[in-house]
């Protein structure tokens, strides 16, 4: 597993985690923001009129309403990115990462407006009579670049597993195991059956589920978040201040957090922001292409609301919950993930003074790596007797117990260590360190008015959020398969999708996040290229839209 994760990390380092990727993502969005004169601001209020169906016509083609398309797309984005992803961003980049998540969303509102408008404009009717759309159709029908459309469609199929499938069920199974002690295989089995039932019904059944599920789960989650924020109200202003104070300086070390550089916080925030709202990835346009409508720009305006709801509202509230509770900088007892652990040779490292923090931080950043341990680690009754230092989750681990297996008896004997990591993955390391993802958010929710019961809100939230994401992403993969091999191929895709959902329930979390990062990048790049090439088409489409609105609704005040 470690070798596989290392290999995938190398691939990701050249694309999604490369220094140029966030600049490409934000650059295209910023270009359209200026080129189209800030449509995410000018059209924001008008989007609500469209959402209510004010300008709909009886004969509009499509499978879903504007609201159903929005909730389907939101269910595809409101998932682990809002609960686990925000916690991971704060864990890695500190408070400043939240700012860059919000900036990514603000710019992404324009990017999503463009990609949805173009995808809706060039959609087609599939062999089975349903609407089929997405970036692959404007690439084929307008750009005449079928090869690029194929690349995007293949990437969409892969991304449906790397974004919508594997990380979602893994987060669900982890949350239910830690909260209710439900074995991951049981969670995977039950939810796989439910998933199969929903997605077999196609977009109409998916939309009917998501239009009810999304509002309900948002209300439940908000109640949990505000219970923590109001219970720690004295920390709210300092938390907000920390977001901005660390923007242009290295995030200071605090508690178990060893600090983060400006660029690292920027890269993490943009990366997590994209994973959360998927603006520029080209996924949401596939859902919006199913909406009933005769004007593509109208559906593009509805899409403006997505990053605002998903990231600017939900992710910001999650971030303030984490910061105000203070748990992001505290060490907590947890089972160590082997892929997130490193054993250093020697015991001269500490995080209770500045030199020690600097040395550990430079080791984690790769700037000045410390020597790792190789050989046989001596353990007696669960306690390490060799002279080593254990790093886990980017923090100095404490109170470590080595067990024969997860939940097993304390080990006495030798553990083979290669390049700082245990060779036998079945051996469990348990102790205090920083934590991230779902477990971090779960602990934060226990610091509110609900006390220990708060963790149940996170478990229920991650179950609903992540499961709805898996439902929506199955539709994205469905449409990509329809584009590549026709409607007949969809049934085979659904079988593999459900099987992958079950398998990922028991897979390694770190590897799944790495796969997701790669899939996002491979899908995003063709889409960014495509919408940039169609910039003039987009501008003329908007001009024609407002011209038609004036003729059809002369008394309507429009923000053209």
Protein backbone atom coordinates (compact mmCIF):
# COMPACT_ATOMS: atom_id res chain seq x y z
CA UNK A 1 0.00 0.00 0.00
CA UNK A 2 2.79 2.39 0.90
CA UNK A 3 4.61 1.76 -2.38
CA UNK A 4 1.39 2.30 -4.32
CA UNK A 5 0.67 5.54 -2.46
CA UNK A 6 4.24 6.76 -3.08
CA UNK A 7 3.87 6.02 -6.79
CA UNK A 8 0.52 7.83 -6.99
CA UNK A 9 1.94 10.76 -5.04
CA UNK A 10 4.71 11.15 -7.62
CA UNK A 11 2.11 11.30 -10.40
CA UNK A 12 0.03 13.80 -8.45
CA UNK A 13 3.12 15.96 -7.83
CA UNK A 14 3.32 16.67 -11.57
CA UNK A 15 -0.35 17.63 -12.00
CA UNK A 16 -2.84 18.34 -9.18
CA UNK A 17 -0.22 19.05 -6.53
CA UNK A 18 2.16 20.83 -8.89
CA UNK A 19 2.77 24.52 -8.21
CA UNK A 20 1.27 25.58 -11.54
CA UNK A 21 -2.09 23.78 -11.16
CA UNK A 22 -3.85 26.20 -8.78
CA UNK A 23 -2.64 29.11 -10.90
CA UNK A 24 -4.14 27.49 -14.00
CA UNK A 25 -7.42 26.91 -12.20
CA UNK A 26 -7.67 30.36 -10.67
CA UNK A 27 -6.22 31.99 -13.77
CA UNK A 28 -8.98 30.77 -16.08
CA UNK A 29 -11.64 31.71 -13.54
CA UNK A 30 -10.11 35.15 -13.00
CA UNK A 31 -9.86 35.68 -16.75
CA UNK A 32 -13.57 35.00 -17.24
CA UNK A 33 -14.45 37.08 -14.19
CA UNK A 34 -12.83 40.12 -15.83
CA UNK A 35 -13.74 39.17 -19.43
CA UNK A 36 -17.43 38.81 -18.57
CA UNK A 37 -17.43 41.72 -16.06
CA UNK A 38 -17.99 39.84 -12.78
CA UNK A 39 -21.11 37.80 -13.67
CA UNK A 40 -21.00 36.02 -10.28
CA UNK A 41 -21.84 39.36 -8.67
CA UNK A 42 -24.06 40.98 -11.30
CA UNK A 43 -26.21 37.89 -11.95
CA UNK A 44 -26.35 36.54 -8.40
CA UNK A 45 -29.78 37.95 -7.50
CA UNK A 46 -31.25 37.20 -10.94
CA UNK A 47 -30.29 33.55 -10.50
CA UNK A 48 -32.90 33.14 -7.76
CA UNK A 49 -35.66 34.29 -10.13
CA UNK A 50 -34.61 31.61 -12.60
CA UNK A 51 -34.41 29.02 -9.84
CA UNK A 52 -38.04 29.73 -8.95
CA UNK A 53 -39.01 29.01 -12.57
CA UNK A 54 -40.15 32.56 -13.38
CA UNK A 55 -39.03 32.38 -17.03
CA UNK A 56 -39.77 28.70 -17.73
CA UNK A 57 -41.82 27.58 -20.73
CA UNK A 58 -44.15 24.58 -20.94
CA UNK A 59 -42.33 22.95 -23.84
CA UNK A 60 -38.77 23.21 -22.45
CA UNK A 61 -36.68 20.10 -23.13
CA UNK A 62 -35.04 18.28 -20.25
CA UNK A 63 -35.38 15.69 -17.52
CA UNK A 64 -35.25 17.82 -14.35
CA UNK A 65 -36.26 21.24 -13.01
CA UNK A 66 -33.73 24.00 -12.29
CA UNK A 67 -33.98 23.25 -8.58
CA UNK A 68 -33.50 19.51 -9.09
CA UNK A 69 -30.46 20.12 -11.31
CA UNK A 70 -29.02 22.45 -8.66
CA UNK A 71 -29.59 19.98 -5.81
CA UNK A 72 -28.20 17.10 -7.88
CA UNK A 73 -25.08 19.12 -8.63
CA UNK A 74 -24.88 20.25 -4.99
CA UNK A 75 -25.24 16.70 -3.76
CA UNK A 76 -22.26 15.91 -5.98
CA UNK A 77 -20.17 18.64 -4.36
CA UNK A 78 -21.50 18.78 -0.80
CA UNK A 79 -19.74 15.74 0.58
CA UNK A 80 -16.49 14.81 2.22
CA UNK A 81 -14.96 18.04 0.91
CA UNK A 82 -17.15 19.97 3.34
CA UNK A 83 -16.49 17.80 6.39
CA UNK A 84 -13.29 15.83 5.85
CA UNK A 85 -11.76 18.13 3.22
CA UNK A 86 -12.00 21.31 5.29
CA UNK A 87 -10.53 19.50 8.30
CA UNK A 88 -7.67 18.24 6.11
CA UNK A 89 -7.06 21.75 4.73
CA UNK A 90 -6.82 23.27 8.22
CA UNK A 91 -4.66 20.36 9.40
CA UNK A 92 -2.20 20.85 6.54
CA UNK A 93 -2.22 24.59 5.88
CA UNK A 94 -3.58 26.15 9.06
CA UNK A 95 -6.29 28.88 9.19
CA UNK A 96 -5.02 30.63 6.03
CA UNK A 97 -6.07 27.62 3.94
CA UNK A 98 -9.71 28.53 4.64
CA UNK A 99 -9.25 31.94 3.03
CA UNK A 100 -7.94 30.37 -0.17
CA UNK A 101 -10.83 27.91 -0.20
CA UNK A 102 -13.27 30.84 -0.15
CA UNK A 103 -11.30 32.76 -2.82
CA UNK A 104 -11.32 29.66 -5.00
CA UNK A 105 -15.09 29.46 -4.61
CA UNK A 106 -15.66 33.16 -5.39
CA UNK A 107 -13.70 32.85 -8.62
CA UNK A 108 -15.18 29.41 -9.22
CA UNK A 109 -18.68 30.88 -9.30
CA UNK A 110 -17.77 32.47 -12.63
CA UNK A 111 -16.01 29.35 -13.91
CA UNK A 112 -19.09 27.27 -13.15
CA UNK A 113 -21.34 29.81 -14.87
CA UNK A 114 -19.28 29.45 -18.05
CA UNK A 115 -18.88 25.67 -18.10
CA UNK A 116 -22.56 25.02 -17.33
CA UNK A 117 -23.81 27.49 -19.96
CA UNK A 118 -21.67 25.96 -22.71
CA UNK A 119 -22.50 22.39 -21.70
CA UNK A 120 -26.23 23.12 -21.67
CA UNK A 121 -25.97 24.86 -25.04
CA UNK A 122 -24.35 21.93 -26.82
CA UNK A 123 -26.15 19.03 -25.12
CA UNK A 124 -27.79 16.20 -27.07
CA UNK A 125 -30.66 13.74 -26.72
CA UNK A 126 -29.23 10.27 -25.97
CA UNK A 127 -30.36 7.00 -27.57
CA UNK A 128 -32.67 6.28 -24.63
CA UNK A 129 -34.42 9.66 -24.95
CA UNK A 130 -32.74 11.32 -21.96
CA UNK A 131 -30.64 14.49 -22.15
CA UNK A 132 -26.88 14.04 -22.36
CA UNK A 133 -24.53 16.93 -21.81
CA UNK A 134 -21.29 18.05 -20.30
CA UNK A 135 -17.96 19.43 -21.50
CA UNK A 136 -17.41 16.44 -23.80
CA UNK A 137 -20.35 17.59 -25.93
CA UNK A 138 -19.18 21.15 -26.49
CA UNK A 139 -15.70 19.78 -27.21
CA UNK A 140 -17.17 17.51 -29.89
CA UNK A 141 -20.02 19.63 -31.28
CA UNK A 142 -18.43 23.10 -31.23
CA UNK A 143 -14.66 22.72 -30.96
CA UNK A 144 -14.57 19.70 -33.28
CA UNK A 145 -12.01 18.18 -30.91
CA UNK A 146 -13.44 14.72 -30.36
CA UNK A 147 -10.09 13.48 -29.07
CA UNK A 148 -10.25 16.03 -26.25
CA UNK A 149 -13.86 15.05 -25.58
CA UNK A 150 -12.79 11.41 -25.27
CA UNK A 151 -9.97 12.35 -22.87
CA UNK A 152 -12.45 14.27 -20.73
CA UNK A 153 -15.05 11.50 -20.79
CA UNK A 154 -12.51 8.83 -19.80
CA UNK A 155 -11.27 11.12 -17.03
CA UNK A 156 -14.86 11.59 -15.88
CA UNK A 157 -15.35 7.84 -15.55
CA UNK A 158 -12.12 7.56 -13.55
CA UNK A 159 -13.01 10.62 -11.50
CA UNK A 160 -16.42 9.19 -10.66
CA UNK A 161 -14.49 6.57 -8.69
CA UNK A 162 -11.69 8.84 -7.45
CA UNK A 163 -13.97 11.70 -6.40
CA UNK A 164 -17.55 10.52 -6.02
CA UNK A 165 -17.14 6.91 -5.05
CA UNK A 166 -14.04 5.89 -3.10
CA UNK A 167 -13.44 8.90 -0.80
CA UNK A 168 -17.14 9.11 0.04
CA UNK A 169 -17.73 5.56 1.25
CA UNK A 170 -14.34 5.50 2.96
CA UNK A 171 -15.30 8.58 4.97
CA UNK A 172 -18.72 7.11 5.77
CA UNK A 173 -17.29 3.79 6.97
CA UNK A 174 -14.59 5.52 9.04
CA UNK A 175 -17.14 7.80 10.70
CA UNK A 176 -19.59 5.02 11.51
CA UNK A 177 -16.83 2.78 12.84
CA UNK A 178 -15.41 5.45 15.16
CA UNK A 179 -18.84 6.59 16.38
CA UNK A 180 -21.04 3.50 16.36
CA UNK A 181 -18.39 0.71 16.12
CA UNK A 182 -19.96 -0.55 12.89
CA UNK A 183 -17.51 -2.59 10.84
CA UNK A 184 -16.61 -0.97 7.49
CA UNK A 185 -17.58 -4.05 5.47
CA UNK A 186 -21.09 -3.93 6.94
CA UNK A 187 -21.45 -0.23 6.08
CA UNK A 188 -20.19 -0.90 2.56
CA UNK A 189 -22.55 -3.81 2.02
CA UNK A 190 -25.71 -2.03 3.17
CA UNK A 191 -25.04 1.25 1.40
CA UNK A 192 -23.99 -0.48 -1.81
CA UNK A 193 -27.43 -2.10 -2.02
CA UNK A 194 -29.17 1.25 -1.44
CA UNK A 195 -26.88 2.95 -3.97
CA UNK A 196 -27.73 0.33 -6.60
CA UNK A 197 -31.46 0.85 -6.04
CA UNK A 198 -31.20 4.63 -6.48
CA UNK A 199 -28.91 4.83 -9.51
CA UNK A 200 -30.77 2.17 -11.50
CA UNK A 201 -33.65 4.64 -11.73
CA UNK A 202 -31.51 7.13 -13.64
CA UNK A 203 -31.51 10.91 -13.37
CA UNK A 204 -35.22 11.26 -12.52
CA UNK A 205 -34.95 9.04 -9.45
CA UNK A 206 -31.60 10.59 -8.52
CA UNK A 207 -33.07 14.11 -8.77
CA UNK A 208 -36.16 13.18 -6.74
CA UNK A 209 -33.88 11.88 -3.96
CA UNK A 210 -31.40 14.77 -3.96
CA UNK A 211 -34.01 17.56 -3.97
CA UNK A 212 -35.22 16.26 -0.59
CA UNK A 213 -31.92 15.07 0.81
CA UNK A 214 -29.76 18.17 0.24
CA UNK A 215 -31.91 20.71 2.17
CA UNK A 216 -32.52 18.25 5.03
CA UNK A 217 -28.88 17.35 5.50
CA UNK A 218 -27.80 21.00 5.36
CA UNK A 219 -30.17 21.92 8.20
CA UNK A 220 -28.95 19.06 10.41
CA UNK A 221 -25.31 19.95 9.77
CA UNK A 222 -25.79 23.68 10.41
CA UNK A 223 -27.40 22.98 13.78
CA UNK A 224 -24.32 20.98 14.80
CA UNK A 225 -21.87 23.63 13.57
CA UNK A 226 -23.57 26.55 15.27
CA UNK A 227 -23.85 24.61 18.52
CA UNK A 228 -20.03 24.52 18.59
CA UNK A 229 -19.48 28.10 17.38
CA UNK A 230 -21.90 29.62 19.91
CA UNK A 231 -20.57 27.43 22.73
CA UNK A 232 -17.09 28.82 21.99
CA UNK A 233 -18.18 32.32 21.04
CA UNK A 234 -15.20 33.91 22.79
CA UNK A 235 -12.95 32.18 20.23
CA UNK A 236 -14.88 33.29 17.14
CA UNK A 237 -13.22 36.69 16.57
CA UNK A 238 -9.68 35.32 17.26
CA UNK A 239 -10.45 32.48 14.83
CA UNK A 240 -11.50 34.86 12.07
CA UNK A 241 -8.47 37.06 12.81
CA UNK A 242 -6.12 34.05 12.51
CA UNK A 243 -7.40 33.35 9.00
CA UNK A 244 -6.24 36.77 7.77
CA UNK A 245 -3.21 37.27 10.02
CA UNK A 246 -1.49 34.20 8.57
CA UNK A 247 -2.20 35.05 4.93
CA UNK A 248 1.07 36.80 4.13
CA UNK A 249 3.28 35.29 6.80
CA UNK A 250 4.19 31.73 7.62
CA UNK A 251 1.42 30.26 9.78
CA UNK A 252 2.87 30.14 13.28
CA UNK A 253 3.36 26.88 15.13
CA UNK A 254 0.74 26.43 17.82
CA UNK A 255 -0.02 23.43 20.02
CA UNK A 256 0.85 20.31 18.05
CA UNK A 257 0.64 22.20 14.72
CA UNK A 258 4.17 22.81 13.44
CA UNK A 259 3.30 25.71 11.12
CA UNK A 260 2.80 26.12 7.37
CA UNK A 261 4.35 28.34 4.71
CA UNK A 262 2.36 30.88 2.67
CA UNK A 263 2.57 28.85 -0.54
CA UNK A 264 1.72 25.59 1.20
CA UNK A 265 -1.43 27.12 2.72
CA UNK A 266 -2.29 28.58 -0.70
CA UNK A 267 -1.87 25.26 -2.54
CA UNK A 268 -3.78 23.32 0.10
CA UNK A 269 -6.63 25.86 0.22
CA UNK A 270 -7.05 26.00 -3.55
CA UNK A 271 -6.79 22.22 -3.87
CA UNK A 272 -9.35 21.57 -1.14
CA UNK A 273 -11.54 24.37 -2.53
CA UNK A 274 -11.66 22.65 -5.91
CA UNK A 275 -12.34 19.29 -4.32
CA UNK A 276 -15.21 20.88 -2.40
CA UNK A 277 -17.02 22.86 -5.13
CA UNK A 278 -15.52 21.27 -8.28
CA UNK A 279 -15.62 24.57 -10.20
CA UNK A 280 -13.64 24.07 -13.39
CA UNK A 281 -13.67 20.31 -13.10
CA UNK A 282 -16.58 19.97 -15.53
CA UNK A 283 -18.66 17.64 -13.38
CA UNK A 284 -21.61 19.86 -12.41
CA UNK A 285 -22.36 20.80 -16.06
CA UNK A 286 -23.31 17.17 -16.64
CA UNK A 287 -26.09 17.47 -14.05
CA UNK A 288 -27.23 20.90 -15.26
CA UNK A 289 -27.41 19.67 -18.85
CA UNK A 290 -30.40 17.57 -17.77
CA UNK A 291 -32.40 20.63 -16.69
CA UNK A 292 -35.46 21.76 -18.59
CA UNK A 293 -34.75 25.04 -20.31
CA UNK A 294 -34.51 26.82 -23.64
CA UNK A 295 -31.82 29.30 -22.61
CA UNK A 296 -28.39 27.88 -21.64
CA UNK A 297 -27.40 31.12 -19.88
CA UNK A 298 -30.31 30.70 -17.46
CA UNK A 299 -28.98 27.36 -16.28
CA UNK A 300 -25.49 28.84 -16.07
CA UNK A 301 -26.82 31.48 -13.68
CA UNK A 302 -28.38 28.84 -11.46
CA UNK A 303 -24.95 27.19 -11.29
CA UNK A 304 -23.45 30.40 -9.86
CA UNK A 305 -25.19 29.54 -6.59
CA UNK A 306 -23.35 26.22 -6.20
CA UNK A 307 -19.86 27.31 -5.07
CA UNK A 308 -21.48 29.99 -2.93
CA UNK A 309 -23.60 27.47 -1.02
CA UNK A 310 -21.05 24.67 -1.01
CA UNK A 311 -17.83 26.47 -0.12
CA UNK A 312 -18.47 30.06 0.91
CA UNK A 313 -21.27 29.03 3.28
CA UNK A 314 -20.88 25.37 4.30
CA UNK A 315 -17.08 25.10 4.23
CA UNK A 316 -16.63 28.43 5.98
CA UNK A 317 -18.96 27.36 8.77
CA UNK A 318 -17.10 24.05 9.09
CA UNK A 319 -13.79 25.92 9.25
CA UNK A 320 -15.01 28.28 11.97
CA UNK A 321 -16.27 25.26 13.90
CA UNK A 322 -12.81 23.69 13.78
CA UNK A 323 -10.96 26.89 14.65
CA UNK A 324 -13.26 28.06 17.44
CA UNK A 325 -13.20 24.63 19.11
CA UNK A 326 -9.37 24.62 19.03
CA UNK A 327 -9.15 20.90 18.28
CA UNK A 328 -7.16 21.40 15.06
CA UNK A 329 -4.01 22.18 17.08
CA UNK A 330 -4.52 19.54 19.79
CA UNK A 331 -3.13 16.00 19.91
CA UNK A 332 -5.69 13.25 20.34
CA UNK A 333 -5.53 9.49 20.83
CA UNK A 334 -5.95 7.65 17.54
CA UNK A 335 -4.84 4.67 15.48
CA UNK A 336 -1.91 5.69 13.29
CA UNK A 337 -2.22 5.27 9.54
CA UNK A 338 1.00 3.73 8.22
CA UNK A 339 1.00 5.97 5.15
CA UNK A 340 0.79 9.02 7.44
CA UNK A 341 3.59 7.91 9.76
CA UNK A 342 7.37 8.19 9.83
CA UNK A 343 9.85 6.81 12.39
CA UNK A 344 13.00 8.90 12.81
CA UNK A 345 16.33 7.64 14.06
CA UNK A 346 17.23 9.19 17.41
CA UNK A 347 15.25 10.82 20.19
CA UNK A 348 16.60 14.37 20.12
CA UNK A 349 13.54 15.95 18.51
CA UNK A 350 10.91 17.92 20.37
CA UNK A 351 8.04 20.28 19.62
CA UNK A 352 8.12 22.22 22.88
CA UNK A 353 10.75 24.73 21.75
CA UNK A 354 11.37 26.75 18.60
CA UNK A 355 14.49 24.90 17.31
CA UNK A 356 12.70 21.59 17.64
CA UNK A 357 9.62 22.85 15.84
CA UNK A 358 11.74 24.28 13.04
CA UNK A 359 13.65 21.00 12.58
CA UNK A 360 10.44 18.95 12.45
CA UNK A 361 8.74 21.42 10.11
CA UNK A 362 11.70 21.39 7.70
CA UNK A 363 11.66 17.60 7.79
CA UNK A 364 7.96 17.48 6.88
CA UNK A 365 8.38 20.02 4.08
CA UNK A 366 11.35 18.10 2.64
CA UNK A 367 13.55 21.16 3.01
CA UNK A 368 15.91 19.48 5.47
CA UNK A 369 14.94 15.81 5.98
CA UNK A 370 15.93 14.14 9.22
CA UNK A 371 17.43 10.60 9.21
CA UNK A 372 14.76 7.90 9.29
CA UNK A 373 15.03 4.62 11.18
CA UNK A 374 15.87 1.35 9.41
CA UNK A 375 16.11 -2.00 11.13
CA UNK A 376 14.36 -3.87 13.94
CA UNK A 377 12.32 -1.75 16.35
CA UNK A 378 12.42 -3.14 19.88
CA UNK A 379 9.06 -3.21 21.69
CA UNK A 380 8.27 -4.41 25.20
CA UNK A 381 4.67 -4.74 26.39
CA UNK A 382 3.56 -2.27 23.73
CA UNK A 383 6.19 0.36 24.55
CA UNK A 384 9.02 1.24 22.15
CA UNK A 385 12.42 0.76 23.79
CA UNK A 386 14.55 1.68 20.75
CA UNK A 387 15.84 5.25 20.53
CA UNK A 388 13.48 6.65 17.89
CA UNK A 389 10.99 9.47 17.31
CA UNK A 390 7.60 8.79 15.76
CA UNK A 391 5.95 11.36 13.49
CA UNK A 392 2.25 10.94 12.67
CA UNK A 393 -0.17 13.27 10.88
CA UNK A 394 2.49 15.97 10.56
CA UNK A 395 3.04 16.07 14.33
CA UNK A 396 5.29 14.58 17.01
CA UNK A 397 3.50 11.49 18.36
CA UNK A 398 3.24 10.86 22.10
CA UNK A 399 2.15 8.06 24.47
CA UNK A 400 2.60 5.41 21.79
CA UNK A 401 1.45 1.82 22.22
CA UNK A 402 2.34 -0.84 19.67
CA UNK A 403 -0.28 -3.60 19.38
CA UNK A 404 -0.21 -6.93 17.57
CA UNK A 405 -3.18 -5.76 15.48
CA UNK A 406 -5.81 -3.01 15.49
CA UNK A 407 -7.54 -3.39 18.84
CA UNK A 408 -5.24 -6.28 19.72
CA UNK A 409 -2.93 -6.98 22.64
CA UNK A 410 0.24 -4.95 23.32
CA UNK A 411 3.19 -6.37 21.40
CA UNK A 412 6.45 -7.63 22.82
CA UNK A 413 9.22 -8.34 20.34
CA UNK A 414 10.65 -6.78 17.19
CA UNK A 415 9.00 -4.81 14.41
CA UNK A 416 10.79 -4.55 11.08
CA UNK A 417 11.10 -0.93 9.92
CA UNK A 418 12.10 0.00 6.38
CA UNK A 419 12.75 3.61 5.41
CA UNK A 420 10.95 4.83 8.52
CA UNK A 421 7.80 2.75 8.11
CA UNK A 422 6.72 -0.65 9.50
CA UNK A 423 6.86 -3.45 6.93
CA UNK A 424 3.99 -5.39 8.51
CA UNK A 425 0.88 -3.24 8.02
CA UNK A 426 -1.21 -5.37 10.40
CA UNK A 427 0.73 -4.11 13.43
CA UNK A 428 -1.06 -1.21 15.10
CA UNK A 429 0.53 1.98 16.41
CA UNK A 430 -1.78 3.84 18.78
CA UNK A 431 -1.09 7.13 20.52
CA UNK A 432 -1.56 10.89 20.65
CA UNK A 433 -1.00 13.06 17.57
CA UNK A 434 -2.77 15.62 15.46
CA UNK A 435 -5.68 14.17 13.51
CA UNK A 436 -7.46 15.24 10.35
CA UNK A 437 -10.41 14.56 8.06
CA UNK A 438 -13.64 13.18 9.56
CA UNK A 439 -12.22 12.28 13.03
CA UNK A 440 -11.08 15.90 13.54
CA UNK A 441 -14.49 17.34 12.66
CA UNK A 442 -16.17 14.73 14.89
CA UNK A 443 -14.08 15.79 17.89
CA UNK A 444 -14.80 19.46 17.16
CA UNK A 445 -18.53 18.75 17.31
CA UNK A 446 -18.15 17.36 20.84
CA UNK A 447 -17.01 20.83 22.00
CA UNK A 448 -20.48 22.33 21.53
CA UNK A 449 -23.82 22.33 23.34
CA UNK A 450 -24.48 18.68 22.45
CA UNK A 451 -21.28 17.44 24.10
CA UNK A 452 -20.31 13.90 23.13
CA UNK A 453 -23.57 13.55 21.21
CA UNK A 454 -22.20 16.06 18.71
CA UNK A 455 -20.09 13.39 17.06
CA UNK A 456 -23.29 11.65 16.00
CA UNK A 457 -24.26 14.71 13.98
CA UNK A 458 -20.97 14.42 12.07
CA UNK A 459 -21.51 10.72 11.47
CA UNK A 460 -25.05 11.31 10.23
CA UNK A 461 -23.88 14.33 8.23
CA UNK A 462 -21.05 12.47 6.54
CA UNK A 463 -23.39 9.58 5.81
CA UNK A 464 -25.93 11.83 4.08
CA UNK A 465 -23.44 14.21 2.44
CA UNK A 466 -21.11 11.54 1.14
CA UNK A 467 -23.81 9.13 0.05
CA UNK A 468 -25.59 11.85 -1.93
CA UNK A 469 -22.26 12.67 -3.60
CA UNK A 470 -21.85 9.04 -4.63
CA UNK A 471 -25.34 9.09 -6.13
CA UNK A 472 -24.67 12.19 -8.23
CA UNK A 473 -21.26 11.05 -9.41
CA UNK A 474 -22.73 7.79 -10.64
CA UNK A 475 -24.79 9.93 -13.03
CA UNK A 476 -21.70 11.81 -14.22
CA UNK A 477 -19.99 8.53 -15.01
CA UNK A 478 -23.22 7.29 -16.59
CA UNK A 479 -23.27 10.22 -19.05
CA UNK A 480 -19.57 9.81 -19.83
CA UNK A 481 -20.12 6.13 -20.62
CA UNK A 482 -23.09 7.10 -22.82
CA UNK A 483 -20.83 9.48 -24.74
CA UNK A 484 -18.06 6.90 -25.15
CA UNK A 485 -19.95 3.68 -25.83
CA UNK A 486 -23.66 4.45 -25.96
CA UNK A 487 -26.54 3.95 -23.53
CA UNK A 488 -26.09 0.17 -23.50
CA UNK A 489 -22.77 0.45 -21.65
CA UNK A 490 -24.31 2.19 -18.64
CA UNK A 491 -25.56 -1.00 -16.95
CA UNK A 492 -22.04 -2.44 -16.88
CA UNK A 493 -20.67 0.80 -15.48
CA UNK A 494 -23.25 0.77 -12.69
CA UNK A 495 -22.26 -2.76 -11.67
CA UNK A 496 -18.58 -1.79 -11.41
CA UNK A 497 -19.48 1.48 -9.64
CA UNK A 498 -21.44 -0.31 -6.93
CA UNK A 499 -18.72 -2.98 -6.54
CA UNK A 500 -16.05 -0.27 -6.22
CA UNK A 501 -18.20 1.47 -3.61
CA UNK A 502 -18.15 -1.64 -1.45
CA UNK A 503 -14.41 -2.31 -1.86
CA UNK A 504 -13.45 1.28 -1.00
CA UNK A 505 -15.22 0.98 2.36
CA UNK A 506 -12.25 -1.04 3.67
CA UNK A 507 -9.38 0.55 1.71
CA UNK A 508 -6.60 2.85 2.99
CA UNK A 509 -7.77 6.46 3.44
CA UNK A 510 -4.57 8.21 2.40
CA UNK A 511 -4.37 6.34 -0.90
CA UNK A 512 -7.97 7.21 -1.67
CA UNK A 513 -7.32 10.94 -1.20
CA UNK A 514 -4.29 10.65 -3.50
CA UNK A 515 -6.32 8.90 -6.19
CA UNK A 516 -9.00 11.60 -5.89
CA UNK A 517 -6.42 14.37 -6.35
CA UNK A 518 -5.12 12.79 -9.55
CA UNK A 519 -8.60 12.21 -10.96
CA UNK A 520 -9.62 15.81 -10.32
CA UNK A 521 -6.59 17.18 -12.16
CA UNK A 522 -6.94 14.88 -15.17
CA UNK A 523 -10.57 15.91 -15.56
CA UNK A 524 -10.05 19.62 -14.94
CA UNK A 525 -7.31 20.43 -17.45
CA UNK A 526 -9.22 19.52 -20.67
CA UNK A 527 -12.25 21.43 -19.39
CA UNK A 528 -10.26 24.58 -18.63
CA UNK A 529 -8.71 24.45 -22.08
CA UNK A 530 -12.10 23.95 -23.71
CA UNK A 531 -13.94 26.82 -22.04
CA UNK A 532 -11.03 29.17 -22.70
CA UNK A 533 -11.14 28.33 -26.41
CA UNK A 534 -14.88 29.12 -26.40
CA UNK A 535 -14.58 32.48 -24.64
CA UNK A 536 -15.97 34.45 -27.61
CA UNK A 537 -18.82 31.98 -28.01
CA UNK A 538 -19.65 32.48 -24.34
CA UNK A 539 -19.72 36.27 -24.58
CA UNK A 540 -21.95 36.25 -27.67
CA UNK A 541 -24.29 33.71 -26.04
CA UNK A 542 -24.76 36.06 -23.07
CA UNK A 543 -25.41 39.04 -25.38
CA UNK A 544 -28.06 37.06 -27.30
CA UNK A 545 -29.66 36.02 -24.01
CA UNK A 546 -30.16 39.57 -22.75
CA UNK A 547 -31.40 40.68 -26.15
CA UNK A 548 -34.01 37.93 -26.07
CA UNK A 549 -34.98 38.75 -22.47
CA UNK A 550 -35.63 42.39 -23.41
CA UNK A 551 -37.88 41.35 -26.28
CA UNK A 552 -39.80 38.73 -24.28
CA UNK A 553 -39.93 40.49 -20.91
CA UNK A 554 -39.67 44.24 -21.67
CA UNK A 555 -40.74 45.23 -18.14
CA UNK A 556 -38.25 42.94 -16.40
CA UNK A 557 -35.24 44.68 -14.85
CA UNK A 558 -32.16 42.76 -15.99
CA UNK A 559 -28.54 43.00 -14.70
CA UNK A 560 -26.96 42.91 -18.16
